[in-house]
């Protein structure tokens, strides 16, 4: 009986050791810089391999990007899961995720427009569904990661509300205009100048990173 117990303990330790070694060989952690793509503009991302099924590897990632240089404000927070095919260094990557993006579209309100005292920018703000497809160079162990991909960026929630936007921007309506919307459209010359959260064609993206 004692020999059986010892055998079970040894077998457990051997199995545990194999799992640990196998996990260490895959180097599950990576840091990346994403430009355009699902980030909107850019983001720094952490990535971790959460599962491996045959030659398919599943990675979860979370990123953040911020930029403001005296004009539009950008915030990008992408999150998602991607799947890598193949066991060597060249991979097809398929991804499914979501991104909060502020500043995908921006409208400049000049000093004097609608009686404003100073110029400023109005920024869009929305949540996008961000599926993706692309090519990825990744040796799956310690080393450089390179990726080129496309994400359509499908808007699923827009924080923009036209009525409250116009009421805030135009507190007083001049008599010659029939509505605040007509006043706004006349000032910018078209009705497609609102800072709504939309991306007509999506984004191509480039990623560079390092696997630890």
N, C-alpha and C. Protein backbone atom coordinates (compact mmCIF):
# COMPACT_ATOMS: atom_id res chain seq x y z
N UNK A 1 0.83 -1.21 0.00
CA UNK A 1 0.00 0.00 0.00
C UNK A 1 0.86 1.25 0.00
N UNK A 2 1.94 1.19 0.82
CA UNK A 2 2.83 2.34 0.90
C UNK A 2 3.50 2.59 -0.44
N UNK A 3 3.85 1.50 -1.13
CA UNK A 3 4.50 1.65 -2.44
C UNK A 3 3.56 2.30 -3.45
N UNK A 4 2.27 1.94 -3.37
CA UNK A 4 1.30 2.54 -4.28
C UNK A 4 1.16 4.05 -4.02
N UNK A 5 1.15 4.42 -2.73
CA UNK A 5 1.05 5.83 -2.38
C UNK A 5 2.27 6.61 -2.87
N UNK A 6 3.46 6.01 -2.70
CA UNK A 6 4.69 6.66 -3.17
C UNK A 6 4.66 6.80 -4.68
N UNK A 7 4.17 5.76 -5.36
CA UNK A 7 4.09 5.80 -6.82
C UNK A 7 3.16 6.92 -7.28
N UNK A 8 2.01 7.06 -6.59
CA UNK A 8 1.06 8.12 -6.94
C UNK A 8 1.66 9.51 -6.74
N UNK A 9 2.43 9.65 -5.63
CA UNK A 9 3.06 10.94 -5.35
C UNK A 9 4.10 11.27 -6.41
N UNK A 10 4.92 10.27 -6.77
CA UNK A 10 5.94 10.47 -7.80
C UNK A 10 5.29 10.80 -9.14
N UNK A 11 4.21 10.08 -9.47
CA UNK A 11 3.50 10.33 -10.73
C UNK A 11 2.91 11.73 -10.76
N UNK A 12 2.35 12.17 -9.62
CA UNK A 12 1.80 13.52 -9.53
C UNK A 12 2.89 14.57 -9.73
N UNK A 13 4.02 14.38 -9.06
CA UNK A 13 5.11 15.35 -9.17
C UNK A 13 5.67 15.40 -10.58
N UNK A 14 5.76 14.24 -11.23
CA UNK A 14 6.25 14.21 -12.62
C UNK A 14 5.29 14.93 -13.56
N UNK A 15 3.97 14.70 -13.34
CA UNK A 15 2.96 15.36 -14.17
C UNK A 15 2.97 16.87 -13.96
N UNK A 16 3.06 17.28 -12.70
CA UNK A 16 3.11 18.71 -12.37
C UNK A 16 4.34 19.36 -12.99
N UNK A 17 5.48 18.66 -12.91
CA UNK A 17 6.73 19.18 -13.47
C UNK A 17 6.62 19.34 -14.98
N UNK A 18 5.98 18.38 -15.64
CA UNK A 18 5.81 18.45 -17.10
C UNK A 18 4.94 19.63 -17.48
N UNK A 19 3.87 19.87 -16.69
CA UNK A 19 3.00 21.00 -16.98
C UNK A 19 3.71 22.32 -16.79
N UNK A 20 4.51 22.43 -15.72
CA UNK A 20 5.25 23.66 -15.46
C UNK A 20 6.29 23.91 -16.53
N UNK A 21 7.02 22.87 -16.91
CA UNK A 21 8.04 23.01 -17.95
C UNK A 21 7.40 23.38 -19.28
N UNK A 22 6.27 22.69 -19.60
CA UNK A 22 5.58 23.00 -20.85
C UNK A 22 5.09 24.42 -20.89
N UNK A 23 4.59 24.90 -19.73
CA UNK A 23 4.11 26.28 -19.68
C UNK A 23 5.26 27.26 -19.82
N UNK A 24 6.41 26.97 -19.20
CA UNK A 24 7.54 27.88 -19.27
C UNK A 24 8.11 27.96 -20.67
N UNK A 25 8.04 26.83 -21.42
CA UNK A 25 8.55 26.84 -22.78
C UNK A 25 7.70 27.73 -23.68
N UNK A 26 6.41 27.86 -23.36
CA UNK A 26 5.52 28.65 -24.21
C UNK A 26 5.63 30.14 -23.94
N UNK A 27 6.30 30.52 -22.84
CA UNK A 27 6.45 31.94 -22.49
C UNK A 27 5.13 32.69 -22.66
N UNK A 28 4.20 32.52 -21.71
CA UNK A 28 2.83 33.02 -21.91
C UNK A 28 2.68 34.54 -21.86
N UNK A 29 3.64 35.29 -21.27
CA UNK A 29 3.49 36.73 -21.10
C UNK A 29 4.11 37.50 -22.26
N UNK A 30 3.43 38.57 -22.68
CA UNK A 30 3.97 39.44 -23.72
C UNK A 30 3.49 40.88 -23.50
N UNK A 31 4.32 41.82 -23.90
CA UNK A 31 3.95 43.24 -23.91
C UNK A 31 4.04 43.75 -25.34
N UNK A 32 3.04 44.55 -25.77
CA UNK A 32 3.03 45.01 -27.15
C UNK A 32 2.64 46.49 -27.24
N UNK A 33 3.05 47.10 -28.33
CA UNK A 33 2.60 48.44 -28.71
C UNK A 33 1.76 48.29 -29.96
N UNK A 34 0.51 48.73 -29.88
CA UNK A 34 -0.43 48.61 -30.99
C UNK A 34 -0.67 49.99 -31.58
N UNK A 35 -0.51 50.11 -32.90
CA UNK A 35 -0.72 51.39 -33.58
C UNK A 35 -1.93 51.26 -34.51
N UNK A 36 -2.90 52.15 -34.35
CA UNK A 36 -4.18 52.11 -35.07
C UNK A 36 -4.91 50.81 -34.70
N UNK A 37 -5.48 50.11 -35.68
CA UNK A 37 -6.16 48.86 -35.38
C UNK A 37 -7.29 49.04 -34.37
N UNK A 38 -7.45 48.07 -33.48
CA UNK A 38 -8.56 48.08 -32.52
C UNK A 38 -8.37 49.11 -31.41
N UNK A 39 -7.17 49.70 -31.31
CA UNK A 39 -6.93 50.71 -30.27
C UNK A 39 -7.47 52.08 -30.66
N UNK A 40 -7.74 52.29 -31.94
CA UNK A 40 -8.19 53.59 -32.42
C UNK A 40 -7.03 54.45 -32.88
N UNK A 41 -6.00 54.61 -32.05
CA UNK A 41 -4.80 55.36 -32.39
C UNK A 41 -3.55 54.61 -31.96
N UNK A 42 -3.44 54.34 -30.66
CA UNK A 42 -2.35 53.50 -30.16
C UNK A 42 -2.72 53.00 -28.76
N UNK A 43 -2.04 51.92 -28.35
CA UNK A 43 -2.20 51.44 -26.97
C UNK A 43 -1.02 50.55 -26.61
N UNK A 44 -0.68 50.57 -25.32
CA UNK A 44 0.27 49.61 -24.76
C UNK A 44 -0.56 48.48 -24.16
N UNK A 45 -0.16 47.23 -24.46
CA UNK A 45 -0.98 46.09 -24.09
C UNK A 45 -0.20 45.02 -23.35
N UNK A 46 -0.87 44.38 -22.40
CA UNK A 46 -0.37 43.18 -21.78
C UNK A 46 -1.14 42.00 -22.33
N UNK A 47 -0.43 40.89 -22.60
CA UNK A 47 -1.06 39.71 -23.20
C UNK A 47 -0.62 38.46 -22.45
N UNK A 48 -1.57 37.53 -22.28
CA UNK A 48 -1.26 36.30 -21.56
C UNK A 48 -1.95 35.12 -22.24
N UNK A 49 -1.19 34.03 -22.45
CA UNK A 49 -1.77 32.83 -23.04
C UNK A 49 -2.63 32.11 -22.00
N UNK A 50 -3.92 31.96 -22.30
CA UNK A 50 -4.85 31.36 -21.33
C UNK A 50 -5.17 29.90 -21.65
N UNK A 51 -4.90 29.46 -22.87
CA UNK A 51 -5.21 28.07 -23.21
C UNK A 51 -4.46 27.66 -24.47
N UNK A 52 -4.24 26.34 -24.59
CA UNK A 52 -3.61 25.76 -25.78
C UNK A 52 -4.34 24.46 -26.10
N UNK A 53 -4.88 24.38 -27.32
CA UNK A 53 -5.56 23.17 -27.78
C UNK A 53 -4.93 22.74 -29.08
N UNK A 54 -4.17 21.64 -29.04
CA UNK A 54 -3.40 21.18 -30.19
C UNK A 54 -2.49 22.31 -30.68
N UNK A 55 -2.66 22.77 -31.92
CA UNK A 55 -1.82 23.86 -32.43
C UNK A 55 -2.51 25.22 -32.36
N UNK A 56 -3.57 25.31 -31.58
CA UNK A 56 -4.27 26.58 -31.40
C UNK A 56 -3.92 27.15 -30.03
N UNK A 57 -3.56 28.43 -30.01
CA UNK A 57 -3.23 29.11 -28.76
C UNK A 57 -4.16 30.30 -28.59
N UNK A 58 -4.68 30.45 -27.36
CA UNK A 58 -5.63 31.52 -27.07
C UNK A 58 -5.00 32.49 -26.08
N UNK A 59 -4.97 33.77 -26.47
CA UNK A 59 -4.37 34.82 -25.65
C UNK A 59 -5.40 35.86 -25.27
N UNK A 60 -5.37 36.30 -24.02
CA UNK A 60 -6.20 37.41 -23.57
C UNK A 60 -5.32 38.65 -23.49
N UNK A 61 -5.87 39.80 -23.85
CA UNK A 61 -5.07 41.03 -23.83
C UNK A 61 -5.89 42.21 -23.33
N UNK A 62 -5.21 43.15 -22.72
CA UNK A 62 -5.82 44.39 -22.23
C UNK A 62 -4.82 45.52 -22.45
N UNK A 63 -5.30 46.66 -22.96
CA UNK A 63 -4.40 47.77 -23.25
C UNK A 63 -4.98 49.12 -22.89
N UNK A 64 -4.13 50.12 -22.93
CA UNK A 64 -4.57 51.50 -22.70
C UNK A 64 -3.67 52.47 -23.46
N UNK A 65 -4.29 53.50 -24.01
CA UNK A 65 -3.54 54.56 -24.68
C UNK A 65 -4.16 55.90 -24.36
N UNK A 66 -3.34 56.93 -24.22
CA UNK A 66 -3.84 58.28 -23.92
C UNK A 66 -2.95 59.30 -24.60
N UNK A 67 -3.59 60.34 -25.14
CA UNK A 67 -2.83 61.41 -25.80
C UNK A 67 -3.67 62.68 -25.82
N UNK A 68 -3.03 63.80 -25.44
CA UNK A 68 -3.65 65.11 -25.59
C UNK A 68 -2.54 66.13 -25.82
N UNK A 69 -2.60 66.78 -26.98
CA UNK A 69 -1.56 67.74 -27.34
C UNK A 69 -2.18 69.07 -27.73
N UNK A 70 -2.93 69.68 -26.82
CA UNK A 70 -3.51 70.98 -27.06
C UNK A 70 -4.71 70.97 -27.98
N UNK A 71 -5.18 69.79 -28.38
CA UNK A 71 -6.34 69.71 -29.26
C UNK A 71 -7.24 68.57 -28.84
N UNK A 72 -7.56 67.67 -29.76
CA UNK A 72 -8.43 66.54 -29.41
C UNK A 72 -7.79 65.65 -28.34
N UNK A 73 -8.63 65.10 -27.50
CA UNK A 73 -8.16 64.16 -26.48
C UNK A 73 -8.45 62.74 -26.95
N UNK A 74 -7.43 61.87 -26.86
CA UNK A 74 -7.60 60.47 -27.24
C UNK A 74 -7.44 59.57 -26.03
N UNK A 75 -8.39 58.63 -25.87
CA UNK A 75 -8.27 57.55 -24.90
C UNK A 75 -8.69 56.26 -25.61
N UNK A 76 -7.87 55.24 -25.53
CA UNK A 76 -8.20 53.95 -26.12
C UNK A 76 -7.98 52.84 -25.11
N UNK A 77 -9.00 52.00 -24.91
CA UNK A 77 -8.88 50.87 -23.99
C UNK A 77 -9.40 49.61 -24.70
N UNK A 78 -8.51 48.88 -25.39
CA UNK A 78 -8.93 47.64 -26.04
C UNK A 78 -8.80 46.44 -25.11
N UNK A 79 -9.72 45.49 -25.24
CA UNK A 79 -9.67 44.24 -24.48
C UNK A 79 -10.20 43.13 -25.38
N UNK A 80 -9.65 41.92 -25.25
CA UNK A 80 -10.16 40.85 -26.08
C UNK A 80 -9.37 39.56 -25.98
N UNK A 81 -9.73 38.63 -26.84
CA UNK A 81 -9.08 37.32 -26.92
C UNK A 81 -8.72 37.06 -28.38
N UNK A 82 -7.51 36.58 -28.63
CA UNK A 82 -7.14 36.21 -29.98
C UNK A 82 -6.67 34.76 -30.04
N UNK A 83 -6.79 34.17 -31.21
CA UNK A 83 -6.41 32.78 -31.43
C UNK A 83 -5.31 32.71 -32.48
N UNK A 84 -4.22 32.02 -32.16
CA UNK A 84 -3.12 31.82 -33.09
C UNK A 84 -3.15 30.40 -33.63
N UNK A 85 -3.02 30.26 -34.93
CA UNK A 85 -2.92 28.94 -35.53
C UNK A 85 -1.45 28.61 -35.79
N UNK A 86 -1.11 27.33 -35.76
CA UNK A 86 0.26 26.92 -36.05
C UNK A 86 1.13 26.86 -34.81
N UNK A 87 2.22 26.10 -34.91
CA UNK A 87 3.10 25.90 -33.76
C UNK A 87 4.49 26.48 -33.95
N UNK A 88 4.76 27.07 -35.11
CA UNK A 88 6.09 27.62 -35.36
C UNK A 88 6.06 29.14 -35.21
N UNK A 89 6.61 29.89 -36.17
CA UNK A 89 6.73 31.33 -35.97
C UNK A 89 5.80 32.17 -36.83
N UNK A 90 5.17 31.56 -37.83
CA UNK A 90 4.24 32.29 -38.70
C UNK A 90 2.81 31.85 -38.37
N UNK A 91 1.93 32.82 -38.10
CA UNK A 91 0.59 32.48 -37.62
C UNK A 91 -0.48 33.33 -38.29
N UNK A 92 -1.62 32.69 -38.53
CA UNK A 92 -2.85 33.43 -38.80
C UNK A 92 -3.45 33.74 -37.44
N UNK A 93 -3.83 34.99 -37.23
CA UNK A 93 -4.43 35.38 -35.95
C UNK A 93 -5.85 35.87 -36.17
N UNK A 94 -6.78 35.31 -35.40
CA UNK A 94 -8.17 35.74 -35.40
C UNK A 94 -8.49 36.26 -34.01
N UNK A 95 -9.18 37.39 -33.94
CA UNK A 95 -9.44 37.98 -32.64
C UNK A 95 -10.88 38.44 -32.48
N UNK A 96 -11.31 38.50 -31.23
CA UNK A 96 -12.62 39.05 -30.90
C UNK A 96 -12.47 39.89 -29.65
N UNK A 97 -12.89 41.14 -29.71
CA UNK A 97 -12.72 42.02 -28.57
C UNK A 97 -13.63 43.22 -28.62
N UNK A 98 -13.39 44.14 -27.72
CA UNK A 98 -14.14 45.39 -27.65
C UNK A 98 -13.18 46.50 -27.26
N UNK A 99 -13.51 47.72 -27.66
CA UNK A 99 -12.65 48.87 -27.36
C UNK A 99 -13.50 50.08 -26.96
N UNK A 100 -13.08 50.72 -25.86
CA UNK A 100 -13.61 52.04 -25.56
C UNK A 100 -12.66 53.04 -26.20
N UNK A 101 -13.20 53.93 -27.04
CA UNK A 101 -12.36 54.90 -27.74
C UNK A 101 -12.98 56.29 -27.62
N UNK A 102 -12.21 57.22 -27.12
CA UNK A 102 -12.61 58.63 -27.09
C UNK A 102 -11.73 59.36 -28.10
N UNK A 103 -12.37 60.12 -28.99
CA UNK A 103 -11.61 60.90 -29.96
C UNK A 103 -11.45 60.24 -31.31
N UNK A 104 -12.30 59.26 -31.65
CA UNK A 104 -12.26 58.70 -33.00
C UNK A 104 -12.64 59.76 -34.03
N UNK A 105 -13.62 60.61 -33.67
CA UNK A 105 -13.98 61.76 -34.49
C UNK A 105 -14.00 62.99 -33.60
N UNK A 106 -13.56 64.13 -34.13
CA UNK A 106 -13.45 65.35 -33.34
C UNK A 106 -13.95 66.55 -34.14
N UNK A 107 -14.58 67.49 -33.43
CA UNK A 107 -15.09 68.71 -34.06
C UNK A 107 -14.47 69.90 -33.35
N UNK A 108 -13.89 70.80 -34.11
CA UNK A 108 -13.29 72.01 -33.54
C UNK A 108 -14.33 73.13 -33.49
N UNK A 109 -14.58 73.64 -32.32
CA UNK A 109 -15.49 74.78 -32.13
C UNK A 109 -14.62 76.02 -31.96
N UNK A 110 -14.65 76.90 -32.95
CA UNK A 110 -13.79 78.08 -32.94
C UNK A 110 -14.34 79.16 -32.00
N UNK A 111 -13.45 80.02 -31.58
CA UNK A 111 -13.82 81.16 -30.76
C UNK A 111 -14.88 82.00 -31.50
N UNK A 112 -16.04 82.20 -30.88
CA UNK A 112 -17.11 82.97 -31.51
C UNK A 112 -18.23 82.12 -32.08
N UNK A 113 -17.95 80.85 -32.42
CA UNK A 113 -19.02 79.97 -32.89
C UNK A 113 -20.04 79.76 -31.77
N UNK A 114 -21.30 80.04 -32.06
CA UNK A 114 -22.39 79.88 -31.09
C UNK A 114 -22.15 80.72 -29.83
N UNK A 115 -21.37 81.80 -29.97
CA UNK A 115 -21.09 82.68 -28.84
C UNK A 115 -20.06 82.15 -27.87
N UNK A 116 -19.28 81.16 -28.28
CA UNK A 116 -18.26 80.59 -27.39
C UNK A 116 -17.15 81.59 -27.12
N UNK A 117 -16.63 81.56 -25.89
CA UNK A 117 -15.60 82.52 -25.49
C UNK A 117 -14.21 82.11 -25.94
N UNK A 118 -14.00 80.80 -26.14
CA UNK A 118 -12.69 80.34 -26.58
C UNK A 118 -12.84 79.07 -27.42
N UNK A 119 -11.85 78.83 -28.26
CA UNK A 119 -11.87 77.65 -29.12
C UNK A 119 -11.66 76.38 -28.30
N UNK A 120 -12.30 75.31 -28.71
CA UNK A 120 -12.10 74.02 -28.05
C UNK A 120 -12.51 72.90 -28.99
N UNK A 121 -12.23 71.67 -28.59
CA UNK A 121 -12.57 70.50 -29.38
C UNK A 121 -13.67 69.70 -28.69
N UNK A 122 -14.59 69.17 -29.49
CA UNK A 122 -15.59 68.23 -29.01
C UNK A 122 -15.19 66.84 -29.51
N UNK A 123 -15.09 65.87 -28.61
CA UNK A 123 -14.59 64.54 -28.95
C UNK A 123 -15.69 63.48 -28.91
N UNK A 124 -15.65 62.56 -29.86
CA UNK A 124 -16.58 61.43 -29.82
C UNK A 124 -16.17 60.48 -28.70
N UNK A 125 -17.10 59.63 -28.31
CA UNK A 125 -16.84 58.69 -27.22
C UNK A 125 -17.76 57.49 -27.39
N UNK A 126 -17.18 56.31 -27.58
CA UNK A 126 -18.04 55.16 -27.82
C UNK A 126 -17.37 53.84 -27.50
N UNK A 127 -18.17 52.79 -27.53
CA UNK A 127 -17.69 51.43 -27.34
C UNK A 127 -17.86 50.69 -28.66
N UNK A 128 -16.80 50.03 -29.11
CA UNK A 128 -16.78 49.37 -30.41
C UNK A 128 -16.55 47.87 -30.25
N UNK A 129 -17.27 47.08 -31.03
CA UNK A 129 -16.94 45.67 -31.19
C UNK A 129 -15.75 45.61 -32.13
N UNK A 130 -14.71 44.84 -31.73
CA UNK A 130 -13.46 44.88 -32.49
C UNK A 130 -12.95 43.48 -32.86
N UNK A 131 -13.64 42.80 -33.78
CA UNK A 131 -13.06 41.56 -34.31
C UNK A 131 -11.84 41.90 -35.15
N UNK A 132 -10.97 40.93 -35.39
CA UNK A 132 -9.76 41.22 -36.16
C UNK A 132 -9.27 39.97 -36.88
N UNK A 133 -8.51 40.19 -37.95
CA UNK A 133 -7.85 39.12 -38.68
C UNK A 133 -6.53 39.65 -39.19
N UNK A 134 -5.46 38.82 -39.10
CA UNK A 134 -4.17 39.30 -39.55
C UNK A 134 -3.08 38.25 -39.50
N UNK A 135 -1.89 38.68 -39.87
CA UNK A 135 -0.69 37.83 -39.84
C UNK A 135 0.15 38.20 -38.63
N UNK A 136 0.72 37.19 -37.98
CA UNK A 136 1.54 37.42 -36.79
C UNK A 136 2.83 36.60 -36.85
N UNK A 137 3.94 37.29 -36.64
CA UNK A 137 5.24 36.63 -36.47
C UNK A 137 5.50 36.53 -34.98
N UNK A 138 5.61 35.29 -34.49
CA UNK A 138 5.75 35.07 -33.05
C UNK A 138 6.35 33.68 -32.85
N UNK A 139 7.57 33.60 -32.30
CA UNK A 139 8.24 32.31 -32.10
C UNK A 139 7.67 31.54 -30.92
N UNK A 140 6.77 32.16 -30.18
CA UNK A 140 6.07 31.53 -29.06
C UNK A 140 6.97 31.28 -27.85
N UNK A 141 8.21 31.73 -27.95
CA UNK A 141 9.09 31.74 -26.79
C UNK A 141 9.69 33.14 -26.70
N UNK A 142 10.72 33.32 -25.94
CA UNK A 142 11.29 34.64 -25.74
C UNK A 142 11.71 35.28 -27.07
N UNK A 143 11.17 36.47 -27.37
CA UNK A 143 11.55 37.11 -28.61
C UNK A 143 10.54 38.13 -29.11
N UNK A 144 10.83 38.69 -30.28
CA UNK A 144 10.05 39.76 -30.89
C UNK A 144 8.71 39.24 -31.42
N UNK A 145 7.69 40.08 -31.32
CA UNK A 145 6.38 39.82 -31.91
C UNK A 145 6.09 40.93 -32.92
N UNK A 146 5.67 40.56 -34.11
CA UNK A 146 5.26 41.52 -35.14
C UNK A 146 3.91 41.09 -35.68
N UNK A 147 3.03 42.06 -35.90
CA UNK A 147 1.69 41.72 -36.38
C UNK A 147 1.15 42.82 -37.28
N UNK A 148 0.45 42.40 -38.34
CA UNK A 148 -0.28 43.31 -39.22
C UNK A 148 -1.70 42.76 -39.32
N UNK A 149 -2.70 43.61 -39.08
CA UNK A 149 -4.07 43.09 -39.05
C UNK A 149 -5.08 44.16 -39.42
N UNK A 150 -6.33 43.73 -39.55
CA UNK A 150 -7.44 44.64 -39.84
C UNK A 150 -8.55 44.42 -38.82
N UNK A 151 -9.15 45.52 -38.34
CA UNK A 151 -10.30 45.47 -37.43
C UNK A 151 -11.36 46.43 -37.94
N UNK A 152 -12.60 45.96 -38.15
CA UNK A 152 -13.65 46.85 -38.70
C UNK A 152 -14.17 47.90 -37.73
N UNK A 153 -14.00 47.72 -36.42
CA UNK A 153 -14.47 48.66 -35.40
C UNK A 153 -15.96 49.01 -35.60
N UNK A 154 -16.81 48.13 -35.10
CA UNK A 154 -18.26 48.28 -35.23
C UNK A 154 -18.81 48.95 -33.97
N UNK A 155 -19.39 50.13 -34.14
CA UNK A 155 -19.91 50.86 -32.99
C UNK A 155 -21.12 50.13 -32.39
N UNK A 156 -21.07 49.86 -31.07
CA UNK A 156 -22.19 49.21 -30.38
C UNK A 156 -22.83 50.13 -29.35
N UNK A 157 -22.12 51.16 -28.93
CA UNK A 157 -22.72 52.14 -28.01
C UNK A 157 -22.04 53.49 -28.19
N UNK A 158 -22.88 54.50 -28.46
CA UNK A 158 -22.39 55.86 -28.67
C UNK A 158 -22.86 56.72 -27.49
N UNK A 159 -21.92 57.35 -26.79
CA UNK A 159 -22.27 58.20 -25.66
C UNK A 159 -22.83 59.56 -26.11
N UNK A 160 -22.76 59.84 -27.43
CA UNK A 160 -23.22 61.12 -27.94
C UNK A 160 -24.73 61.22 -27.91
N UNK A 161 -25.24 62.35 -27.40
CA UNK A 161 -26.67 62.65 -27.41
C UNK A 161 -26.85 64.02 -28.07
N UNK A 162 -27.47 64.03 -29.24
CA UNK A 162 -27.56 65.25 -30.03
C UNK A 162 -28.31 66.37 -29.31
N UNK A 163 -29.41 66.04 -28.66
CA UNK A 163 -30.21 67.07 -28.01
C UNK A 163 -29.45 67.77 -26.89
N UNK A 164 -28.84 67.00 -26.00
CA UNK A 164 -28.09 67.61 -24.89
C UNK A 164 -26.84 68.31 -25.40
N UNK A 165 -26.25 67.78 -26.47
CA UNK A 165 -25.08 68.42 -27.08
C UNK A 165 -25.43 69.80 -27.60
N UNK A 166 -26.52 69.90 -28.36
CA UNK A 166 -26.93 71.19 -28.92
C UNK A 166 -27.38 72.16 -27.84
N UNK A 167 -28.06 71.65 -26.81
CA UNK A 167 -28.51 72.52 -25.71
C UNK A 167 -27.33 73.10 -24.95
N UNK A 168 -26.29 72.31 -24.78
CA UNK A 168 -25.10 72.79 -24.07
C UNK A 168 -24.31 73.77 -24.92
N UNK A 169 -24.21 73.46 -26.21
CA UNK A 169 -23.40 74.29 -27.10
C UNK A 169 -24.12 75.57 -27.51
N UNK A 170 -25.44 75.50 -27.64
CA UNK A 170 -26.24 76.64 -28.11
C UNK A 170 -27.34 76.93 -27.09
N UNK A 171 -27.01 77.62 -26.00
CA UNK A 171 -28.03 77.89 -24.97
C UNK A 171 -29.11 78.85 -25.46
N UNK A 172 -28.75 79.78 -26.39
CA UNK A 172 -29.72 80.76 -26.90
C UNK A 172 -29.79 80.67 -28.41
N UNK A 173 -30.99 80.59 -28.95
CA UNK A 173 -31.18 80.45 -30.39
C UNK A 173 -31.55 81.80 -31.01
N UNK A 174 -30.83 82.17 -32.09
CA UNK A 174 -31.15 83.40 -32.80
C UNK A 174 -32.45 83.24 -33.58
N UNK A 175 -33.20 84.31 -33.72
CA UNK A 175 -34.54 84.25 -34.29
C UNK A 175 -34.56 83.79 -35.74
N UNK A 176 -33.50 84.07 -36.51
CA UNK A 176 -33.53 83.70 -37.93
C UNK A 176 -33.41 82.19 -38.16
N UNK A 177 -33.08 81.43 -37.13
CA UNK A 177 -32.97 79.98 -37.28
C UNK A 177 -34.19 79.30 -36.67
N UNK A 178 -34.67 78.29 -37.34
CA UNK A 178 -35.87 77.58 -36.88
C UNK A 178 -35.56 76.59 -35.77
N UNK A 179 -34.31 76.15 -35.68
CA UNK A 179 -33.95 75.19 -34.64
C UNK A 179 -32.46 75.28 -34.36
N UNK A 180 -32.05 74.75 -33.22
CA UNK A 180 -30.62 74.70 -32.88
C UNK A 180 -29.86 73.81 -33.86
N UNK A 181 -30.51 72.75 -34.32
CA UNK A 181 -29.88 71.86 -35.29
C UNK A 181 -29.59 72.58 -36.59
N UNK A 182 -30.55 73.42 -37.06
CA UNK A 182 -30.35 74.19 -38.29
C UNK A 182 -29.23 75.20 -38.11
N UNK A 183 -29.15 75.82 -36.94
CA UNK A 183 -28.08 76.78 -36.64
C UNK A 183 -26.72 76.07 -36.67
N UNK A 184 -26.64 74.91 -36.06
CA UNK A 184 -25.39 74.15 -36.01
C UNK A 184 -24.97 73.72 -37.42
N UNK A 185 -25.93 73.16 -38.18
CA UNK A 185 -25.61 72.69 -39.53
C UNK A 185 -25.17 73.83 -40.43
N UNK A 186 -25.79 74.99 -40.29
CA UNK A 186 -25.41 76.15 -41.11
C UNK A 186 -24.01 76.64 -40.76
N UNK A 187 -23.65 76.58 -39.47
CA UNK A 187 -22.32 77.03 -39.05
C UNK A 187 -21.22 76.17 -39.65
N UNK A 188 -21.44 74.85 -39.71
CA UNK A 188 -20.41 73.95 -40.23
C UNK A 188 -20.64 73.57 -41.69
N UNK A 189 -21.75 73.99 -42.27
CA UNK A 189 -21.98 73.77 -43.70
C UNK A 189 -22.50 72.41 -44.07
N UNK A 190 -22.67 71.50 -43.09
CA UNK A 190 -23.23 70.18 -43.39
C UNK A 190 -23.78 69.56 -42.11
N UNK A 191 -24.58 68.52 -42.29
CA UNK A 191 -25.21 67.86 -41.15
C UNK A 191 -24.40 66.67 -40.65
N UNK A 192 -23.22 66.43 -41.22
CA UNK A 192 -22.40 65.27 -40.84
C UNK A 192 -21.17 65.72 -40.05
N UNK A 193 -21.35 66.71 -39.21
CA UNK A 193 -20.21 67.27 -38.49
C UNK A 193 -20.30 67.05 -36.98
N UNK A 194 -21.17 66.16 -36.55
CA UNK A 194 -21.30 65.89 -35.12
C UNK A 194 -20.21 64.90 -34.66
N UNK A 195 -19.75 65.03 -33.43
CA UNK A 195 -18.72 64.11 -32.92
C UNK A 195 -19.31 62.76 -32.49
N UNK A 196 -19.91 62.07 -33.45
CA UNK A 196 -20.51 60.76 -33.15
C UNK A 196 -19.43 59.68 -33.19
N UNK A 197 -19.69 58.60 -32.49
CA UNK A 197 -18.72 57.50 -32.44
C UNK A 197 -18.97 56.54 -33.59
N UNK A 198 -18.21 56.71 -34.65
CA UNK A 198 -18.34 55.79 -35.77
C UNK A 198 -17.02 55.68 -36.50
N UNK A 199 -16.82 54.55 -37.14
CA UNK A 199 -15.64 54.33 -37.96
C UNK A 199 -16.10 53.68 -39.26
N UNK A 200 -16.11 54.45 -40.33
CA UNK A 200 -16.71 53.99 -41.59
C UNK A 200 -16.02 52.77 -42.17
N UNK A 201 -14.69 52.79 -42.16
CA UNK A 201 -13.93 51.71 -42.80
C UNK A 201 -13.15 50.85 -41.81
N UNK A 202 -13.20 51.17 -40.54
CA UNK A 202 -12.38 50.43 -39.59
C UNK A 202 -10.92 50.87 -39.67
N UNK A 203 -10.03 50.06 -39.11
CA UNK A 203 -8.61 50.41 -39.08
C UNK A 203 -7.73 49.22 -39.42
N UNK A 204 -6.69 49.47 -40.19
CA UNK A 204 -5.58 48.53 -40.28
C UNK A 204 -4.64 48.85 -39.12
N UNK A 205 -4.06 47.82 -38.53
CA UNK A 205 -3.20 48.02 -37.39
C UNK A 205 -1.85 47.32 -37.53
N UNK A 206 -0.86 47.86 -36.82
CA UNK A 206 0.48 47.27 -36.76
C UNK A 206 0.85 47.11 -35.29
N UNK A 207 1.37 45.96 -34.93
CA UNK A 207 1.75 45.68 -33.54
C UNK A 207 3.19 45.21 -33.49
N UNK A 208 3.94 45.75 -32.52
CA UNK A 208 5.27 45.25 -32.24
C UNK A 208 5.36 44.99 -30.74
N UNK A 209 5.98 43.88 -30.37
CA UNK A 209 6.04 43.54 -28.96
C UNK A 209 7.15 42.58 -28.64
N UNK A 210 7.15 42.11 -27.40
CA UNK A 210 8.19 41.18 -26.96
C UNK A 210 7.57 40.16 -26.02
N UNK A 211 7.89 38.89 -26.27
CA UNK A 211 7.41 37.79 -25.43
C UNK A 211 8.49 37.43 -24.41
N UNK A 212 8.10 37.34 -23.15
CA UNK A 212 9.08 37.09 -22.08
C UNK A 212 9.16 35.60 -21.73
